[in-house]
Amino acid sequence: MMSETDINNILVNGAMISLAKLKRAQSFNARIYYYAEIGVYLEVALSRGAGITDATLEGVERIHQEATHIHMDASKATRLNLS
């Protein structure tokens, strides 16, 4: 059985790994996949009854916000290059 600490570590570390992969992604499809993964970590972190701490939620929210900016900037750059 996992402890509350384990699930909090899994959420933050999993989101960080997906963010690192998002930063290296070369295609829109890859970026959207990793962005969606981070979204799933955020959805789970919003589950209050699962022993998720406020620090974990805040950490995953920050990662999601950074991922949003990275994904949007990359998409914008791609559109500008196609114009």
Protein backbone atom coordinates (compact mmCIF):
# COMPACT_ATOMS: atom_id res chain seq x y z
CA MET A 1 0.00 0.00 0.00
CA MET A 2 1.27 3.46 -0.86
CA SER A 3 1.58 6.19 1.72
CA GLU A 4 0.37 9.75 1.27
CA THR A 5 3.97 10.85 0.80
CA ASP A 6 4.40 8.37 -2.07
CA ILE A 7 1.41 9.65 -4.01
CA ASN A 8 2.49 13.27 -3.55
CA ASN A 9 5.99 12.44 -4.82
CA ILE A 10 4.61 10.49 -7.77
CA LEU A 11 2.39 13.39 -8.82
CA VAL A 12 5.09 16.06 -8.68
CA ASN A 13 7.85 13.90 -10.14
CA GLY A 14 5.59 12.53 -12.87
CA ALA A 15 4.53 16.02 -13.87
CA MET A 16 8.16 17.16 -13.90
CA ILE A 17 9.16 14.25 -16.16
CA SER A 18 6.31 15.05 -18.56
CA LEU A 19 7.37 18.71 -18.56
CA ALA A 20 10.94 17.75 -19.45
CA LYS A 21 9.64 15.61 -22.32
CA LEU A 22 7.34 18.44 -23.43
CA LYS A 23 10.31 20.79 -23.61
CA ARG A 24 12.16 18.35 -25.91
CA ALA A 25 9.16 17.46 -28.08
CA GLN A 26 9.65 18.19 -31.78
CA SER A 27 6.07 17.93 -33.01
CA PHE A 28 2.67 19.29 -32.09
CA ASN A 29 1.36 15.78 -31.44
CA ALA A 30 4.18 15.02 -29.00
CA ARG A 31 3.70 18.36 -27.22
CA ILE A 32 -0.04 17.87 -26.86
CA TYR A 33 0.50 14.35 -25.52
CA TYR A 34 2.86 15.48 -22.75
CA TYR A 35 0.68 18.51 -22.03
CA ALA A 36 -2.28 16.17 -21.58
CA GLU A 37 -0.22 13.97 -19.24
CA ILE A 38 0.49 17.00 -17.06
CA GLY A 39 -3.23 17.78 -17.12
CA VAL A 40 -3.95 14.32 -15.75
CA TYR A 41 -1.48 14.85 -12.90
CA LEU A 42 -3.23 18.13 -12.15
CA GLU A 43 -6.66 16.47 -12.14
CA VAL A 44 -5.44 13.84 -9.69
CA ALA A 45 -3.79 16.50 -7.51
CA LEU A 46 -7.18 18.21 -7.23
CA SER A 47 -8.53 15.08 -5.46
CA ARG A 48 -8.65 16.28 -1.89
CA GLY A 49 -9.68 12.98 -0.34
CA ALA A 50 -6.61 11.12 -1.59
CA GLY A 51 -4.09 12.62 0.83
CA ILE A 52 -2.84 15.17 -1.66
CA THR A 53 -1.13 18.05 0.13
CA ASP A 54 -1.50 21.72 -0.70
CA ALA A 55 2.21 21.83 -1.55
CA THR A 56 1.74 19.06 -4.11
CA LEU A 57 -1.25 20.80 -5.67
CA GLU A 58 0.65 24.08 -5.89
CA GLY A 59 3.68 22.34 -7.40
CA VAL A 60 1.66 20.58 -10.06
CA GLU A 61 -0.26 23.80 -10.80
CA ARG A 62 3.06 25.62 -11.38
CA ILE A 63 4.26 22.84 -13.67
CA HIS A 64 0.97 22.96 -15.59
CA GLN A 65 1.22 26.73 -15.96
CA GLU A 66 4.78 26.45 -17.30
CA ALA A 67 3.70 23.67 -19.66
CA THR A 68 0.86 25.84 -20.94
CA HIS A 69 3.26 28.65 -21.80
CA ILE A 70 5.75 26.31 -23.47
CA HIS A 71 3.06 24.60 -25.54
CA MET A 72 1.42 27.87 -26.58
CA ASP A 73 4.75 29.52 -27.46
CA ALA A 74 5.82 26.51 -29.55
CA SER A 75 2.48 26.45 -31.37
CA LYS A 76 2.67 30.18 -32.02
CA ALA A 77 6.23 29.87 -33.35
CA THR A 78 5.16 27.06 -35.66
CA ARG A 79 2.27 29.11 -37.04
CA LEU A 80 4.57 32.10 -37.59
CA ASN A 81 7.07 29.93 -39.49
CA LEU A 82 4.30 28.63 -41.76
CA SER A 83 3.09 32.13 -42.63
